[in-house]
Amino acid sequence: MGLCHGCDSVYPDLAFSLQSSLLPACQSVGKQRPVFGIGLKDYLGLGGLRDRHNNRTYCDYLNTLGDLAAWLCGRNYMVRVIIGDVSYDSGVKQDFMELLHERGLMNQEGQIVNEPVFTVKQLLSQIAAVDFLVTSRYHNLVLALMLNQPVVCLSDHGKLESLMAEIGLTEYCLPLGNLDFDNVVDRLVRLETHAEALKVYIKQKTEAYRRTLEEQYRLISKCV
C-alpha cells in the first residue's frame, strides 16, 4: 500500500488478551476416558464447488475426519464435535453427524458429544471440556491455546501456519488439502504422549503473548 512499516512491531492476535477471568477451567476432573475434540469447517478446497455434496475435496475431508472419529471410538475415547462459525459450519456439522450415524458410531451411547453453540462463552466451554483438539478454524485454534490445550492444526491458510510456527508447534500443523488419515493419527499419538509438557509450554507462550499485548495497549494509549 506504500506505507512505511520497516520499524513497526508485529503483535499477537488480540484474542490472546482476553481476560483470564473469562476463561473457563478445563474440565479434567472425574473423566473416565480422554475426550478428543474434532473441529469442523466448510472446507471446499481451492476454487471448489459451493455444492458441498458434489465437491470431491469436501467429501474426502469429511470421510477422513469420520475415519478419525471411528479410530478414536475404537480406542474407547470420547469425541466432541465442535464448530467455530455458526453461519458457515452448521451445514458441515449436520453432514458430519449424518456420516457418523451411517457408520453406526452414534449407536455407542455417550461416546459422541454434539451440542449447539451460539456464543463465544459456549464455544470456550466446549473447548475446555476436551483434552485434545483437532481443528482448522483459526479462532478455535487461538482459544484452545489460550486454554493451554494440546492441539493439532489442520491448516488451509498461512495465518494458522504462522501462528503454529511462532508458538513453536509446527510439528503439530498439517495441511488440510489432501489430508492424510495416518498423519493425523500420528500427530494425535504424539500429542497425547507429550500432553503434560505441551500444556506447560503453551501456558508459558500464551502468557508471554498477553504481556506483549499489554505493552502494545500501553503504547497505543500514549498516542490517544
C-alpha atoms as a PDB file:
ATOM      1  CA  MET A   1       0.000   0.000   0.000  1.00  0.00           C
ATOM      2  CA  GLY A   2       3.066   2.260   0.026  1.00  0.00           C
ATOM      3  CA  LEU A   3       3.127   2.785   3.787  1.00  0.00           C
ATOM      4  CA  CYS A   4       6.461   2.801   5.613  1.00  0.00           C
ATOM      5  CA  HIS A   5       6.400  -0.124   8.003  1.00  0.00           C
ATOM      6  CA  GLY A   6      10.066  -1.040   8.451  1.00  0.00           C
ATOM      7  CA  CYS A   7      10.092  -0.006  12.120  1.00  0.00           C
ATOM      8  CA  ASP A   8       6.684  -1.449  13.011  1.00  0.00           C
ATOM      9  CA  SER A   9       6.344  -4.269  15.511  1.00  0.00           C
ATOM     10  CA  VAL A  10       4.218  -7.368  14.958  1.00  0.00           C
ATOM     11  CA  TYR A  11       1.935  -8.338  17.837  1.00  0.00           C
ATOM     12  CA  PRO A  12      -0.072 -11.481  18.620  1.00  0.00           C
ATOM     13  CA  ASP A  13      -3.775 -11.820  17.851  1.00  0.00           C
ATOM     14  CA  LEU A  14      -5.788  -9.553  20.159  1.00  0.00           C
ATOM     15  CA  ALA A  15      -7.815 -12.549  21.333  1.00  0.00           C
ATOM     16  CA  PHE A  16      -4.795 -13.607  23.398  1.00  0.00           C
ATOM     17  CA  SER A  17      -5.503 -10.646  25.678  1.00  0.00           C
ATOM     18  CA  LEU A  18      -8.940 -11.960  26.699  1.00  0.00           C
ATOM     19  CA  GLN A  19      -9.188 -11.617  30.478  1.00  0.00           C
ATOM     20  CA  SER A  20      -8.199 -14.771  32.338  1.00  0.00           C
ATOM     21  CA  SER A  21     -11.318 -14.424  34.490  1.00  0.00           C
ATOM     22  CA  LEU A  22     -13.441 -15.016  31.375  1.00  0.00           C
ATOM     23  CA  LEU A  23     -11.749 -18.326  30.569  1.00  0.00           C
ATOM     24  CA  PRO A  24     -13.433 -21.451  31.953  1.00  0.00           C
ATOM     25  CA  ALA A  25     -11.440 -24.026  33.862  1.00  0.00           C
ATOM     26  CA  CYS A  26     -10.555 -27.107  31.846  1.00  0.00           C
ATOM     27  CA  GLN A  27     -12.768 -29.995  32.906  1.00  0.00           C
ATOM     28  CA  SER A  28     -10.323 -32.797  33.625  1.00  0.00           C
ATOM     29  CA  VAL A  29     -11.656 -33.931  36.997  1.00  0.00           C
ATOM     30  CA  GLY A  30     -13.807 -37.060  37.025  1.00  0.00           C
ATOM     31  CA  LYS A  31     -13.266 -38.051  33.394  1.00  0.00           C
ATOM     32  CA  GLN A  32     -13.246 -41.796  32.869  1.00  0.00           C
ATOM     33  CA  ARG A  33     -11.595 -41.546  29.431  1.00  0.00           C
ATOM     34  CA  PRO A  34      -9.868 -38.856  27.361  1.00  0.00           C
ATOM     35  CA  VAL A  35     -12.030 -36.537  25.255  1.00  0.00           C
ATOM     36  CA  PHE A  36     -10.894 -35.543  21.765  1.00  0.00           C
ATOM     37  CA  GLY A  37     -12.452 -32.556  20.044  1.00  0.00           C
ATOM     38  CA  ILE A  38     -12.909 -32.640  16.268  1.00  0.00           C
ATOM     39  CA  GLY A  39     -13.286 -29.107  14.913  1.00  0.00           C
ATOM     40  CA  LEU A  40     -15.122 -28.771  11.611  1.00  0.00           C
ATOM     41  CA  LYS A  41     -15.162 -26.090   8.932  1.00  0.00           C
ATOM     42  CA  ASP A  42     -16.731 -25.633   5.496  1.00  0.00           C
ATOM     43  CA  TYR A  43     -13.612 -26.758   3.648  1.00  0.00           C
ATOM     44  CA  LEU A  44     -14.294 -26.893  -0.084  1.00  0.00           C
ATOM     45  CA  GLY A  45     -10.732 -26.746  -1.379  1.00  0.00           C
ATOM     46  CA  LEU A  46      -9.145 -24.124  -3.591  1.00  0.00           C
ATOM     47  CA  GLY A  47     -11.777 -22.986  -6.067  1.00  0.00           C
ATOM     48  CA  GLY A  48     -14.035 -25.875  -5.041  1.00  0.00           C
ATOM     49  CA  LEU A  49     -17.708 -26.223  -5.900  1.00  0.00           C
ATOM     50  CA  ARG A  50     -20.058 -24.487  -3.463  1.00  0.00           C
ATOM     51  CA  ASP A  51     -22.332 -27.527  -3.715  1.00  0.00           C
ATOM     52  CA  ARG A  52     -20.835 -29.471  -0.808  1.00  0.00           C
ATOM     53  CA  HIS A  53     -22.274 -32.846  -1.716  1.00  0.00           C
ATOM     54  CA  ASN A  54     -20.804 -32.780  -5.227  1.00  0.00           C
ATOM     55  CA  ASN A  55     -17.437 -31.466  -4.081  1.00  0.00           C
ATOM     56  CA  ARG A  56     -14.871 -34.289  -4.016  1.00  0.00           C
ATOM     57  CA  THR A  57     -12.462 -32.370  -1.783  1.00  0.00           C
ATOM     58  CA  TYR A  58     -15.193 -31.729   0.788  1.00  0.00           C
ATOM     59  CA  CYS A  59     -16.370 -35.358   0.787  1.00  0.00           C
ATOM     60  CA  ASP A  60     -12.788 -36.640   1.183  1.00  0.00           C
ATOM     61  CA  TYR A  61     -12.254 -34.204   4.054  1.00  0.00           C
ATOM     62  CA  LEU A  62     -15.399 -35.344   5.895  1.00  0.00           C
ATOM     63  CA  ASN A  63     -14.617 -39.015   5.311  1.00  0.00           C
ATOM     64  CA  THR A  64     -11.107 -38.606   6.727  1.00  0.00           C
ATOM     65  CA  LEU A  65     -12.497 -36.970   9.869  1.00  0.00           C
ATOM     66  CA  GLY A  66     -15.099 -39.738  10.002  1.00  0.00           C
ATOM     67  CA  ASP A  67     -12.253 -42.269   9.921  1.00  0.00           C
ATOM     68  CA  LEU A  68     -10.632 -40.349  12.763  1.00  0.00           C
ATOM     69  CA  ALA A  69     -13.826 -40.418  14.836  1.00  0.00           C
ATOM     70  CA  ALA A  70     -14.123 -44.174  14.261  1.00  0.00           C
ATOM     71  CA  TRP A  71     -10.477 -44.694  15.264  1.00  0.00           C
ATOM     72  CA  LEU A  72     -10.977 -42.713  18.476  1.00  0.00           C
ATOM     73  CA  CYS A  73     -14.197 -44.531  19.357  1.00  0.00           C
ATOM     74  CA  GLY A  74     -12.483 -47.858  18.696  1.00  0.00           C
ATOM     75  CA  ARG A  75      -9.991 -46.941  21.422  1.00  0.00           C
ATOM     76  CA  ASN A  76     -12.788 -46.063  23.836  1.00  0.00           C
ATOM     77  CA  TYR A  77     -12.137 -42.313  23.672  1.00  0.00           C
ATOM     78  CA  MET A  78     -14.948 -39.778  23.740  1.00  0.00           C
ATOM     79  CA  VAL A  79     -15.365 -37.452  20.756  1.00  0.00           C
ATOM     80  CA  ARG A  80     -16.779 -33.938  20.976  1.00  0.00           C
ATOM     81  CA  VAL A  81     -17.808 -32.303  17.696  1.00  0.00           C
ATOM     82  CA  ILE A  82     -17.002 -28.574  17.636  1.00  0.00           C
ATOM     83  CA  ILE A  83     -17.616 -25.725  15.191  1.00  0.00           C
ATOM     84  CA  GLY A  84     -16.364 -22.150  15.379  1.00  0.00           C
ATOM     85  CA  ASP A  85     -18.676 -20.339  12.959  1.00  0.00           C
ATOM     86  CA  VAL A  86     -22.430 -20.964  13.083  1.00  0.00           C
ATOM     87  CA  SER A  87     -23.069 -19.275   9.724  1.00  0.00           C
ATOM     88  CA  TYR A  88     -20.552 -21.319   7.753  1.00  0.00           C
ATOM     89  CA  ASP A  89     -20.103 -24.550   9.696  1.00  0.00           C
ATOM     90  CA  SER A  90     -23.611 -25.613  10.753  1.00  0.00           C
ATOM     91  CA  GLY A  91     -24.250 -27.425   7.465  1.00  0.00           C
ATOM     92  CA  VAL A  92     -20.891 -29.179   7.717  1.00  0.00           C
ATOM     93  CA  LYS A  93     -21.728 -30.308  11.227  1.00  0.00           C
ATOM     94  CA  GLN A  94     -25.046 -31.739  10.050  1.00  0.00           C
ATOM     95  CA  ASP A  95     -23.310 -33.620   7.210  1.00  0.00           C
ATOM     96  CA  PHE A  96     -20.702 -34.965   9.631  1.00  0.00           C
ATOM     97  CA  MET A  97     -23.268 -36.176  12.145  1.00  0.00           C
ATOM     98  CA  GLU A  98     -25.158 -37.941   9.340  1.00  0.00           C
ATOM     99  CA  LEU A  99     -21.895 -39.594   8.288  1.00  0.00           C
ATOM    100  CA  LEU A 100     -21.243 -40.812  11.846  1.00  0.00           C
ATOM    101  CA  HIS A 101     -24.810 -42.142  12.021  1.00  0.00           C
ATOM    102  CA  GLU A 102     -24.375 -44.023   8.721  1.00  0.00           C
ATOM    103  CA  ARG A 103     -21.209 -45.620  10.119  1.00  0.00           C
ATOM    104  CA  GLY A 104     -23.038 -46.750  13.243  1.00  0.00           C
ATOM    105  CA  LEU A 105     -20.943 -44.603  15.560  1.00  0.00           C
ATOM    106  CA  MET A 106     -23.960 -42.848  17.054  1.00  0.00           C
ATOM    107  CA  ASN A 107     -25.157 -46.176  18.472  1.00  0.00           C
ATOM    108  CA  GLN A 108     -22.408 -46.041  21.102  1.00  0.00           C
ATOM    109  CA  GLU A 109     -24.214 -44.084  23.788  1.00  0.00           C
ATOM    110  CA  GLY A 110     -22.317 -41.165  25.252  1.00  0.00           C
ATOM    111  CA  GLN A 111     -19.214 -41.599  23.125  1.00  0.00           C
ATOM    112  CA  ILE A 112     -20.045 -38.847  20.604  1.00  0.00           C
ATOM    113  CA  VAL A 113     -20.950 -35.440  22.076  1.00  0.00           C
ATOM    114  CA  ASN A 114     -22.737 -32.923  19.854  1.00  0.00           C
ATOM    115  CA  GLU A 115     -24.016 -29.736  21.499  1.00  0.00           C
ATOM    116  CA  PRO A 116     -25.186 -26.455  19.934  1.00  0.00           C
ATOM    117  CA  VAL A 117     -23.005 -23.357  20.171  1.00  0.00           C
ATOM    118  CA  PHE A 118     -24.155 -19.767  19.645  1.00  0.00           C
ATOM    119  CA  THR A 119     -21.807 -17.671  21.789  1.00  0.00           C
ATOM    120  CA  VAL A 120     -18.094 -17.348  22.469  1.00  0.00           C
ATOM    121  CA  LYS A 121     -18.772 -18.371  26.068  1.00  0.00           C
ATOM    122  CA  GLN A 122     -20.383 -21.619  24.912  1.00  0.00           C
ATOM    123  CA  LEU A 123     -17.524 -22.280  22.497  1.00  0.00           C
ATOM    124  CA  LEU A 124     -14.952 -21.724  25.240  1.00  0.00           C
ATOM    125  CA  SER A 125     -16.816 -24.153  27.499  1.00  0.00           C
ATOM    126  CA  GLN A 126     -16.871 -26.818  24.778  1.00  0.00           C
ATOM    127  CA  ILE A 127     -13.153 -26.449  24.073  1.00  0.00           C
ATOM    128  CA  ALA A 128     -12.413 -26.517  27.815  1.00  0.00           C
ATOM    129  CA  ALA A 129     -14.287 -29.837  28.007  1.00  0.00           C
ATOM    130  CA  VAL A 130     -11.811 -31.666  25.728  1.00  0.00           C
ATOM    131  CA  ASP A 131      -8.325 -32.961  26.478  1.00  0.00           C
ATOM    132  CA  PHE A 132      -7.076 -32.664  22.890  1.00  0.00           C
ATOM    133  CA  LEU A 133      -8.353 -30.810  19.847  1.00  0.00           C
ATOM    134  CA  VAL A 134      -8.033 -31.230  16.081  1.00  0.00           C
ATOM    135  CA  THR A 135      -9.194 -28.069  14.350  1.00  0.00           C
ATOM    136  CA  SER A 136      -8.863 -25.904  11.258  1.00  0.00           C
ATOM    137  CA  ARG A 137     -10.777 -22.787  12.389  1.00  0.00           C
ATOM    138  CA  TYR A 138      -8.282 -20.061  13.301  1.00  0.00           C
ATOM    139  CA  HIS A 139     -10.008 -18.759  16.408  1.00  0.00           C
ATOM    140  CA  ASN A 140     -10.781 -22.264  17.627  1.00  0.00           C
ATOM    141  CA  LEU A 141      -7.024 -22.755  17.484  1.00  0.00           C
ATOM    142  CA  VAL A 142      -6.411 -19.485  19.365  1.00  0.00           C
ATOM    143  CA  LEU A 143      -8.993 -20.303  22.053  1.00  0.00           C
ATOM    144  CA  ALA A 144      -7.580 -23.799  22.527  1.00  0.00           C
ATOM    145  CA  LEU A 145      -4.090 -22.376  23.006  1.00  0.00           C
ATOM    146  CA  MET A 146      -5.427 -19.805  25.475  1.00  0.00           C
ATOM    147  CA  LEU A 147      -6.843 -22.711  27.475  1.00  0.00           C
ATOM    148  CA  ASN A 148      -3.450 -24.495  27.310  1.00  0.00           C
ATOM    149  CA  GLN A 149      -4.994 -27.304  25.284  1.00  0.00           C
ATOM    150  CA  PRO A 150      -2.737 -29.545  23.163  1.00  0.00           C
ATOM    151  CA  VAL A 151      -3.958 -29.109  19.594  1.00  0.00           C
ATOM    152  CA  VAL A 152      -3.366 -30.449  16.090  1.00  0.00           C
ATOM    153  CA  CYS A 153      -3.946 -27.741  13.490  1.00  0.00           C
ATOM    154  CA  LEU A 154      -5.249 -28.660  10.026  1.00  0.00           C
ATOM    155  CA  SER A 155      -4.270 -25.617   8.004  1.00  0.00           C
ATOM    156  CA  ASP A 156      -5.631 -24.235   4.761  1.00  0.00           C
ATOM    157  CA  HIS A 157      -4.293 -20.695   5.337  1.00  0.00           C
ATOM    158  CA  GLY A 158      -0.998 -19.057   6.165  1.00  0.00           C
ATOM    159  CA  LYS A 159      -2.400 -17.417   9.300  1.00  0.00           C
ATOM    160  CA  LEU A 160      -2.756 -20.812  11.000  1.00  0.00           C
ATOM    161  CA  GLU A 161       0.686 -21.966   9.895  1.00  0.00           C
ATOM    162  CA  SER A 162       2.332 -18.722  11.031  1.00  0.00           C
ATOM    163  CA  LEU A 163       0.717 -18.959  14.482  1.00  0.00           C
ATOM    164  CA  MET A 164       1.794 -22.579  14.926  1.00  0.00           C
ATOM    165  CA  ALA A 165       5.315 -21.677  13.774  1.00  0.00           C
ATOM    166  CA  GLU A 166       5.517 -18.620  16.037  1.00  0.00           C
ATOM    167  CA  ILE A 167       4.366 -20.572  19.068  1.00  0.00           C
ATOM    168  CA  GLY A 168       6.790 -23.407  18.248  1.00  0.00           C
ATOM    169  CA  LEU A 169       4.296 -26.165  17.413  1.00  0.00           C
ATOM    170  CA  THR A 170       4.993 -26.678  13.707  1.00  0.00           C
ATOM    171  CA  GLU A 171       5.183 -30.461  14.062  1.00  0.00           C
ATOM    172  CA  TYR A 172       1.506 -30.418  15.080  1.00  0.00           C
ATOM    173  CA  CYS A 173       0.421 -28.476  11.993  1.00  0.00           C
ATOM    174  CA  LEU A 174      -0.727 -30.423   8.917  1.00  0.00           C
ATOM    175  CA  PRO A 175      -2.008 -29.197   5.540  1.00  0.00           C
ATOM    176  CA  LEU A 176      -5.758 -29.557   5.216  1.00  0.00           C
ATOM    177  CA  GLY A 177      -5.502 -30.195   1.480  1.00  0.00           C
ATOM    178  CA  ASN A 178      -5.170 -33.923   0.670  1.00  0.00           C
ATOM    179  CA  LEU A 179      -5.476 -34.682   4.382  1.00  0.00           C
ATOM    180  CA  ASP A 180      -3.854 -37.990   5.262  1.00  0.00           C
ATOM    181  CA  PHE A 181      -5.518 -40.056   7.985  1.00  0.00           C
ATOM    182  CA  ASP A 182      -2.293 -41.762   9.091  1.00  0.00           C
ATOM    183  CA  ASN A 183      -0.555 -38.406   9.520  1.00  0.00           C
ATOM    184  CA  VAL A 184      -3.392 -37.081  11.690  1.00  0.00           C
ATOM    185  CA  VAL A 185      -3.301 -40.189  13.889  1.00  0.00           C
ATOM    186  CA  ASP A 186       0.478 -39.965  14.169  1.00  0.00           C
ATOM    187  CA  ARG A 187       0.266 -36.350  15.396  1.00  0.00           C
ATOM    188  CA  LEU A 188      -2.514 -37.203  17.836  1.00  0.00           C
ATOM    189  CA  VAL A 189      -0.479 -40.036  19.334  1.00  0.00           C
ATOM    190  CA  ARG A 190       2.470 -37.663  19.767  1.00  0.00           C
ATOM    191  CA  LEU A 191       0.144 -35.047  21.243  1.00  0.00           C
ATOM    192  CA  GLU A 192      -1.206 -37.445  23.848  1.00  0.00           C
ATOM    193  CA  THR A 193       2.270 -38.762  24.672  1.00  0.00           C
ATOM    194  CA  HIS A 194       3.678 -35.281  25.331  1.00  0.00           C
ATOM    195  CA  ALA A 195       0.483 -33.688  26.666  1.00  0.00           C
ATOM    196  CA  GLU A 196       1.705 -32.587  30.095  1.00  0.00           C
ATOM    197  CA  ALA A 197       4.876 -30.953  28.782  1.00  0.00           C
ATOM    198  CA  LEU A 198       2.916 -29.290  25.978  1.00  0.00           C
ATOM    199  CA  LYS A 199       0.419 -27.772  28.413  1.00  0.00           C
ATOM    200  CA  VAL A 200       3.217 -26.163  30.426  1.00  0.00           C
ATOM    201  CA  TYR A 201       4.924 -24.921  27.258  1.00  0.00           C
ATOM    202  CA  ILE A 202       1.706 -23.498  25.758  1.00  0.00           C
ATOM    203  CA  LYS A 203       0.880 -21.721  29.018  1.00  0.00           C
ATOM    204  CA  GLN A 204       4.287 -20.029  29.029  1.00  0.00           C
ATOM    205  CA  LYS A 205       3.896 -18.882  25.426  1.00  0.00           C
ATOM    206  CA  THR A 206       0.345 -17.530  25.813  1.00  0.00           C
ATOM    207  CA  GLU A 207       1.282 -15.657  28.994  1.00  0.00           C
ATOM    208  CA  ALA A 208       4.144 -14.062  27.064  1.00  0.00           C
ATOM    209  CA  TYR A 209       1.648 -13.105  24.326  1.00  0.00           C
ATOM    210  CA  ARG A 210      -0.591 -11.499  26.953  1.00  0.00           C
ATOM    211  CA  ARG A 211       2.308  -9.400  28.293  1.00  0.00           C
ATOM    212  CA  THR A 212       3.260  -8.355  24.756  1.00  0.00           C
ATOM    213  CA  LEU A 213      -0.292  -7.210  24.050  1.00  0.00           C
ATOM    214  CA  GLU A 214      -0.415  -5.259  27.310  1.00  0.00           C
ATOM    215  CA  GLU A 215       2.692  -3.403  26.135  1.00  0.00           C
ATOM    216  CA  GLN A 216       1.008  -2.729  22.797  1.00  0.00           C
ATOM    217  CA  TYR A 217      -2.052  -1.270  24.561  1.00  0.00           C
ATOM    218  CA  ARG A 218       0.213   0.977  26.657  1.00  0.00           C
ATOM    219  CA  LEU A 219       1.918   2.271  23.519  1.00  0.00           C
ATOM    220  CA  ILE A 220      -1.411   2.939  21.819  1.00  0.00           C
ATOM    221  CA  SER A 221      -2.852   4.715  24.871  1.00  0.00           C
ATOM    222  CA  LYS A 222       0.079   7.165  24.795  1.00  0.00           C
ATOM    223  CA  CYS A 223      -0.945   8.198  21.302  1.00  0.00           C
ATOM    224  CA  VAL A 224      -4.605   8.786  22.136  1.00  0.00           C
END
